Amino acid sequence: MPFHLDLSLMIMSNDEFVLVNIHVLHHLIAPNPILTLCTASVFLAWGRSAVQISRHSFETVRNSVLHYCQPKALKETRDFTICASVLYSHPSKLVMNSVIYGPVPSWRLGRSLGVDLLSTQGKTCNFNCVYCQLGKTANPVRERRVFIQTAELTQELKSVRGVAADYVTFSGMGEPTLASNLGQAIELARDILHLPVAVLTNSSLMSREDVCDDLARADVVVAKIDAHNHDLFKQVNRPVTGLLFRDVLKGIELFRSGFKGKLCLQIMFIEANKDFAREIAKVASSLSPDEIQLNTPLRPCAVKPLTRSQMDSIQKHFNNLGNVISAYQTARPKVTPLDSNETSRRRPKL
């Protein structure tokens, strides 16, 4: 699977290392890895099925790299290993970065096949929630952009056709609406995999028309609020400067008014907001979701989850609002992920 990188590289051959400042490598393929040329960041892939041939031939690019590196040892071998800060020195231990992960056992969506349109090393988000299972936000981002090219996503989706899943879910290493090609990606996932599509969003950008247009293509949108006012919003979600709680609520209201699919509202309860359940329930009621999902961080993170009895007490404030489900009360299906490493880095085990 492709691996995104933009680093100076160390090429190793016959125990000789040479630093090469190249940012235009495309793929590394087995069993005799050959470097090929691209025009952007570094991409690595393992296995010929994942390779896309660029407009430059393998040999042309290989010879260019060899000419650049000079050492005789490199010119006498076709075996290369790329080594960088996030890679190992042996191909069998190469750190991959796939767009697809799971399926995972979701208490909300059943067997959920994840699509990560960010696929960054470290969390990319406009929030830095105290309870996030991915830890602190490594890449705070305000504006939307393309992280994963459509051609790459198409290739990966085709590679998992037929996988047993109930939903394709856009989530992963941060906030999926930061990907400006989300709408197109949703259509691709549905067309290729013939599965309903869900998006898990922190709701931060739903006041934007382009984001609403993208989300409207999904079958299920899981928005979230964890507060009833801006002060609690800042304490729990720790948004980037400029994001206001009132705008988040207006965005959800705007989206609700035109969305034809299922709108769910997730609320994560922790010690910091548990005493405001009544007030949060009033906010939730005003947004008219089709389903309310009461959650507490059961996976490893920086804060402790609430107990079952605490969550039962909180749920009493929501029971008159219609369809309400809770993390402690809903069963999770048994599934086997396609790649345990890709899955665990996005979704730590319970």
Protein backbone atom coordinates (compact mmCIF):
# COMPACT_ATOMS: atom_id res chain seq x y z
CA MET A 1 0.00 0.00 0.00
CA PRO A 2 1.25 3.55 -0.66
CA PHE A 3 3.19 5.33 2.03
CA HIS A 4 3.40 9.11 2.03
CA LEU A 5 6.67 10.75 2.98
CA ASP A 6 8.67 13.82 2.10
CA LEU A 7 12.12 13.35 3.55
CA SER A 8 15.73 13.12 2.73
CA LEU A 9 16.44 9.43 2.29
CA MET A 10 19.20 7.06 3.23
CA ILE A 11 19.79 4.43 0.56
CA MET A 12 21.55 1.33 1.83
CA SER A 13 23.30 -1.30 -0.22
CA ASN A 14 26.09 -3.71 0.67
CA ASP A 15 26.42 -2.05 4.09
CA GLU A 16 27.13 1.32 2.50
CA PHE A 17 24.81 4.24 3.30
CA VAL A 18 24.42 7.30 1.11
CA LEU A 19 22.25 10.29 1.93
CA VAL A 20 20.04 11.25 -1.01
CA ASN A 21 17.90 14.37 -0.92
CA ILE A 22 15.15 13.19 -3.25
CA HIS A 23 11.51 14.08 -2.81
CA VAL A 24 10.25 12.59 -6.07
CA LEU A 25 10.37 8.85 -5.43
CA HIS A 26 7.21 6.94 -6.13
CA HIS A 27 7.29 3.23 -5.27
CA LEU A 28 9.50 0.61 -3.73
CA ILE A 29 8.57 -2.90 -4.87
CA ALA A 30 9.64 -6.41 -3.90
CA PRO A 31 11.42 -8.74 -4.22
CA ASN A 32 14.11 -6.54 -5.76
CA PRO A 33 13.03 -3.02 -4.85
CA ILE A 34 13.52 -0.48 -7.61
CA LEU A 35 13.05 3.24 -7.22
CA THR A 36 10.63 4.95 -9.58
CA LEU A 37 9.92 8.59 -10.18
CA CYS A 38 6.93 10.68 -9.24
CA THR A 39 6.40 14.45 -9.05
CA ALA A 40 5.32 14.92 -5.45
CA SER A 41 5.99 13.36 -2.06
CA VAL A 42 7.58 9.98 -1.51
CA PHE A 43 5.30 6.97 -1.93
CA LEU A 44 6.31 3.46 -0.96
CA ALA A 45 4.46 0.28 -1.79
CA TRP A 46 5.10 -3.40 -1.14
CA GLY A 47 3.88 -5.97 -3.64
CA ARG A 48 3.43 -5.55 -7.35
CA SER A 49 -0.34 -5.32 -7.12
CA ALA A 50 0.01 -1.91 -5.51
CA VAL A 51 2.34 -0.43 -8.11
CA GLN A 52 1.36 2.24 -10.56
CA ILE A 53 3.86 2.80 -13.37
CA SER A 54 4.86 6.43 -13.74
CA ARG A 55 5.78 8.03 -17.03
CA HIS A 56 9.43 7.19 -16.34
CA SER A 57 10.56 3.60 -16.65
CA PHE A 58 11.99 1.70 -13.71
CA GLU A 59 15.40 1.45 -15.26
CA THR A 60 15.58 5.11 -16.22
CA VAL A 61 14.84 6.21 -12.68
CA ARG A 62 17.10 3.58 -11.15
CA ASN A 63 19.97 4.71 -13.31
CA SER A 64 19.31 8.33 -12.39
CA VAL A 65 19.47 7.50 -8.70
CA LEU A 66 22.62 5.46 -9.17
CA HIS A 67 24.25 8.27 -11.10
CA TYR A 68 23.31 10.68 -8.34
CA CYS A 69 24.68 8.41 -5.61
CA GLN A 70 27.93 7.50 -7.39
CA PRO A 71 29.29 4.71 -5.09
CA LYS A 72 30.30 1.61 -7.00
CA ALA A 73 28.60 -0.65 -4.49
CA LEU A 74 25.22 0.81 -5.37
CA LYS A 75 25.84 0.42 -9.09
CA GLU A 76 26.48 -3.30 -8.68
CA THR A 77 23.18 -4.22 -7.04
CA ARG A 78 19.45 -3.92 -7.64
CA ASP A 79 18.61 -4.42 -3.97
CA PHE A 80 17.81 -1.16 -2.23
CA THR A 81 16.37 -0.50 1.19
CA ILE A 82 15.01 2.94 2.02
CA CYS A 83 15.67 4.03 5.58
CA ALA A 84 14.17 7.11 7.21
CA SER A 85 12.99 8.23 10.61
CA VAL A 86 9.73 6.26 10.48
CA LEU A 87 11.03 3.26 8.55
CA TYR A 88 13.08 0.21 9.41
CA SER A 89 16.12 -0.95 7.52
CA HIS A 90 14.58 -4.14 6.23
CA PRO A 91 11.71 -4.37 3.74
CA SER A 92 9.82 -6.93 5.79
CA LYS A 93 9.52 -4.36 8.57
CA LEU A 94 8.58 -1.46 6.36
CA VAL A 95 6.02 0.83 7.97
CA MET A 96 3.05 1.06 5.63
CA ASN A 97 0.49 3.82 5.41
CA SER A 98 -2.70 2.48 3.92
CA VAL A 99 -5.84 4.52 3.45
CA ILE A 100 -7.99 1.50 4.36
CA TYR A 101 -8.19 -0.05 7.82
CA GLY A 102 -10.45 -2.44 9.66
CA PRO A 103 -13.09 -3.71 9.51
CA VAL A 104 -13.52 -2.79 13.15
CA PRO A 105 -16.29 -3.83 15.56
CA SER A 106 -18.34 -0.66 15.99
CA TRP A 107 -21.07 -0.42 18.61
CA ARG A 108 -22.78 2.13 16.36
CA LEU A 109 -22.20 0.81 12.83
CA GLY A 110 -21.56 -2.93 13.16
CA ARG A 111 -18.71 -4.17 10.94
CA SER A 112 -17.11 -0.90 9.92
CA LEU A 113 -14.50 -0.69 7.14
CA GLY A 114 -12.47 2.43 7.78
CA VAL A 115 -11.29 4.93 5.16
CA ASP A 116 -8.72 7.46 6.33
CA LEU A 117 -8.56 10.39 3.90
CA LEU A 118 -5.82 11.99 6.01
CA SER A 119 -3.49 9.02 6.65
CA THR A 120 -0.92 11.24 8.31
CA GLN A 121 1.78 10.28 10.78
CA GLY A 122 0.18 11.67 13.91
CA LYS A 123 -3.27 13.19 14.34
CA THR A 124 -4.38 15.91 11.92
CA CYS A 125 -7.27 17.88 13.36
CA ASN A 126 -8.68 21.28 14.27
CA PHE A 127 -9.54 19.95 17.74
CA ASN A 128 -7.28 18.60 20.46
CA CYS A 129 -9.87 16.76 22.55
CA VAL A 130 -8.74 15.75 26.01
CA TYR A 131 -10.15 12.24 25.53
CA CYS A 132 -8.89 11.47 22.02
CA GLN A 133 -7.61 7.92 21.59
CA LEU A 134 -5.03 9.23 19.08
CA GLY A 135 -3.39 11.46 21.66
CA LYS A 136 -2.41 15.07 21.13
CA THR A 137 -2.95 16.75 17.78
CA ALA A 138 0.37 16.59 15.95
CA ASN A 139 -0.82 18.56 12.92
CA PRO A 140 -3.28 21.32 13.84
CA VAL A 141 -5.03 22.28 10.60
CA ARG A 142 -7.57 25.02 9.87
CA GLU A 143 -8.18 24.78 6.15
CA ARG A 144 -9.30 21.93 3.91
CA ARG A 145 -6.96 20.38 1.37
CA VAL A 146 -6.35 17.10 -0.45
CA PHE A 147 -4.31 14.65 1.61
CA ILE A 148 -4.94 11.50 -0.45
CA GLN A 149 -5.23 11.64 -4.22
CA THR A 150 -8.38 10.21 -5.77
CA ALA A 151 -6.43 7.76 -7.95
CA GLU A 152 -4.74 6.29 -4.88
CA LEU A 153 -8.02 5.94 -3.02
CA THR A 154 -9.65 4.27 -6.02
CA GLN A 155 -6.85 1.71 -6.20
CA GLU A 156 -7.13 0.83 -2.52
CA LEU A 157 -10.91 0.59 -2.57
CA LYS A 158 -10.76 -1.81 -5.50
CA SER A 159 -8.28 -3.96 -3.59
CA VAL A 160 -10.82 -4.61 -0.79
CA ARG A 161 -13.88 -5.36 -2.90
CA GLY A 162 -15.97 -8.09 -1.34
CA VAL A 163 -14.80 -7.53 2.25
CA ALA A 164 -17.50 -8.38 4.78
CA ALA A 165 -18.67 -5.07 6.24
CA ASP A 166 -21.86 -3.22 7.12
CA TYR A 167 -20.56 0.30 6.46
CA VAL A 168 -17.68 2.13 4.88
CA THR A 169 -16.76 4.70 7.52
CA PHE A 170 -14.70 7.82 6.92
CA SER A 171 -12.68 8.46 10.06
CA GLY A 172 -9.03 7.73 10.92
CA MET A 173 -6.12 9.97 11.91
CA GLY A 174 -8.13 13.12 12.51
CA GLU A 175 -11.09 15.11 11.21
CA PRO A 176 -12.26 13.72 7.83
CA THR A 177 -13.97 16.93 6.68
CA LEU A 178 -10.52 18.55 6.46
CA ALA A 179 -10.08 16.50 3.27
CA SER A 180 -11.43 18.68 0.47
CA ASN A 181 -12.14 15.65 -1.74
CA LEU A 182 -14.39 13.99 0.86
CA GLY A 183 -17.52 14.21 -1.29
CA GLN A 184 -15.86 12.55 -4.26
CA ALA A 185 -14.35 9.92 -1.97
CA ILE A 186 -17.79 9.07 -0.55
CA GLU A 187 -19.17 8.52 -4.04
CA LEU A 188 -16.18 6.36 -4.98
CA ALA A 189 -16.51 4.19 -1.88
CA ARG A 190 -20.20 3.56 -2.49
CA ASP A 191 -19.76 2.87 -6.21
CA ILE A 192 -16.80 0.50 -5.77
CA LEU A 193 -17.77 -1.35 -2.59
CA HIS A 194 -21.57 -1.21 -2.87
CA LEU A 195 -21.89 -0.46 0.84
CA PRO A 196 -23.61 2.37 2.71
CA VAL A 197 -21.24 5.16 3.75
CA ALA A 198 -20.89 6.83 7.16
CA VAL A 199 -18.79 9.82 8.16
CA LEU A 200 -17.67 10.53 11.74
CA THR A 201 -17.13 14.26 12.15
CA ASN A 202 -16.35 16.61 15.03
CA SER A 203 -18.89 19.04 13.49
CA SER A 204 -16.38 21.88 13.39
CA LEU A 205 -16.75 22.70 9.68
CA MET A 206 -20.45 21.99 9.19
CA SER A 207 -21.16 25.71 8.95
CA ARG A 208 -19.38 25.66 5.57
CA GLU A 209 -21.50 25.06 2.49
CA ASP A 210 -18.84 22.95 0.76
CA VAL A 211 -18.56 20.67 3.79
CA CYS A 212 -22.33 20.26 4.02
CA ASP A 213 -22.43 19.41 0.31
CA ASP A 214 -19.79 16.71 0.83
CA LEU A 215 -21.41 15.24 3.93
CA ALA A 216 -24.81 15.17 2.24
CA ARG A 217 -23.53 12.41 -0.06
CA ALA A 218 -23.16 10.03 2.91
CA ASP A 219 -25.89 7.70 4.11
CA VAL A 220 -25.07 8.32 7.78
CA VAL A 221 -23.36 11.32 9.36
CA VAL A 222 -22.27 11.08 12.99
CA ALA A 223 -21.78 14.63 14.26
CA LYS A 224 -20.73 15.40 17.79
CA ILE A 225 -21.04 17.89 20.59
CA ASP A 226 -19.54 17.48 24.06
CA ALA A 227 -20.63 20.75 25.62
CA HIS A 228 -23.49 23.21 26.03
CA ASN A 229 -21.48 26.44 25.91
CA HIS A 230 -18.23 27.81 24.56
CA ASP A 231 -16.30 27.60 27.84
CA LEU A 232 -16.91 23.86 28.22
CA PHE A 233 -16.28 23.43 24.48
CA LYS A 234 -12.82 24.99 24.92
CA GLN A 235 -12.11 22.86 27.99
CA VAL A 236 -13.06 19.49 26.48
CA ASN A 237 -12.47 19.87 22.73
CA ARG A 238 -9.68 22.49 22.75
CA PRO A 239 -10.35 23.80 19.21
CA VAL A 240 -7.90 25.81 17.13
CA THR A 241 -8.23 29.56 17.51
CA GLY A 242 -11.25 30.97 15.73
CA LEU A 243 -13.63 28.02 16.07
CA LEU A 244 -16.70 29.03 18.07
CA PHE A 245 -19.23 26.73 19.69
CA ARG A 246 -22.18 28.74 18.40
CA ASP A 247 -20.92 28.25 14.84
CA VAL A 248 -20.67 24.50 15.41
CA LEU A 249 -24.31 24.38 16.51
CA LYS A 250 -25.45 26.56 13.61
CA GLY A 251 -23.60 24.26 11.23
CA ILE A 252 -25.34 21.14 12.55
CA GLU A 253 -28.72 22.89 12.36
CA LEU A 254 -28.04 23.97 8.78
CA PHE A 255 -27.02 20.47 7.77
CA ARG A 256 -29.99 18.87 9.53
CA SER A 257 -32.42 21.03 7.57
CA GLY A 258 -31.33 19.64 4.21
CA PHE A 259 -29.90 16.19 4.91
CA LYS A 260 -31.95 13.27 3.62
CA GLY A 261 -29.91 10.55 5.33
CA LYS A 262 -29.52 9.54 8.97
CA LEU A 263 -28.02 12.16 11.28
CA CYS A 264 -26.59 10.83 14.54
CA LEU A 265 -25.31 12.97 17.38
CA GLN A 266 -22.50 11.55 19.50
CA ILE A 267 -21.76 12.98 22.93
CA MET A 268 -18.62 11.90 24.78
CA PHE A 269 -19.07 12.11 28.53
CA ILE A 270 -16.11 12.40 30.87
CA GLU A 271 -15.55 13.86 34.34
CA ALA A 272 -15.33 17.41 32.94
CA ASN A 273 -18.81 17.48 31.41
CA LYS A 274 -20.83 14.81 33.21
CA ASP A 275 -22.49 17.32 35.53
CA PHE A 276 -23.88 19.21 32.54
CA ALA A 277 -25.82 16.29 31.05
CA ARG A 278 -29.17 18.07 31.47
CA GLU A 279 -27.95 21.17 29.63
CA ILE A 280 -26.30 19.12 26.88
CA ALA A 281 -29.50 17.14 26.44
CA LYS A 282 -31.39 20.38 25.78
CA VAL A 283 -28.87 21.31 23.10
CA ALA A 284 -29.13 17.86 21.58
CA SER A 285 -32.91 18.11 21.45
CA SER A 286 -32.70 21.41 19.56
CA LEU A 287 -30.63 19.75 16.82
CA SER A 288 -33.26 17.07 16.07
CA PRO A 289 -30.93 14.13 15.37
CA ASP A 290 -32.29 10.77 14.26
CA GLU A 291 -30.18 9.06 16.90
CA ILE A 292 -28.25 10.12 20.00
CA GLN A 293 -25.13 8.15 20.89
CA LEU A 294 -23.90 8.44 24.48
CA ASN A 295 -20.25 7.56 24.74
CA THR A 296 -17.40 7.54 27.23
CA PRO A 297 -13.72 6.84 26.34
CA LEU A 298 -13.41 3.06 26.79
CA ARG A 299 -10.17 2.90 24.77
CA PRO A 300 -6.83 4.02 26.26
CA CYS A 301 -6.50 7.80 26.44
CA ALA A 302 -5.51 10.60 28.81
CA VAL A 303 -8.76 10.57 30.81
CA LYS A 304 -10.72 7.85 32.58
CA PRO A 305 -14.09 6.65 31.31
CA LEU A 306 -17.21 7.08 33.36
CA THR A 307 -18.66 4.00 35.00
CA ARG A 308 -21.70 2.16 33.71
CA SER A 309 -23.81 3.52 36.58
CA GLN A 310 -22.69 7.09 35.83
CA MET A 311 -23.62 6.66 32.16
CA ASP A 312 -26.99 5.18 33.15
CA SER A 313 -27.68 8.27 35.24
CA ILE A 314 -26.71 10.54 32.35
CA GLN A 315 -28.94 8.65 29.95
CA LYS A 316 -32.02 9.52 32.01
CA HIS A 317 -31.71 13.10 30.74
CA PHE A 318 -31.90 11.86 27.14
CA ASN A 319 -34.51 9.09 27.26
CA ASN A 320 -37.35 11.38 26.21
CA LEU A 321 -35.49 12.46 23.07
CA GLY A 322 -36.23 9.37 20.98
CA ASN A 323 -33.64 6.88 19.75
CA VAL A 324 -30.79 6.85 22.30
CA ILE A 325 -28.01 4.25 22.44
CA SER A 326 -25.09 3.95 24.86
CA ALA A 327 -21.58 2.52 24.58
CA TYR A 328 -22.06 0.27 27.60
CA GLN A 329 -25.36 -1.17 26.41
CA THR A 330 -24.69 -1.95 22.75
CA ALA A 331 -23.00 -5.15 21.57
CA ARG A 332 -20.04 -5.14 19.19
CA PRO A 333 -19.73 -7.72 16.41
CA LYS A 334 -16.70 -9.96 16.05
CA VAL A 335 -14.54 -9.03 13.07
CA THR A 336 -11.00 -9.62 11.85
CA PRO A 337 -9.21 -6.58 10.40
CA LEU A 338 -7.46 -6.80 7.05
CA ASP A 339 -4.30 -5.34 8.59
CA SER A 340 -3.96 -5.25 12.38
CA ASN A 341 -1.18 -2.65 12.37
CA GLU A 342 -3.06 -0.20 10.18
CA THR A 343 -6.13 -0.69 12.31
CA SER A 344 -4.51 -0.40 15.74
CA ARG A 345 -2.72 2.86 15.00
CA ARG A 346 -6.08 4.46 14.28
CA ARG A 347 -8.20 2.53 16.72
CA PRO A 348 -6.53 1.23 19.89
CA LYS A 349 -8.06 -1.91 21.39
CA LEU A 350 -10.53 -1.77 24.21
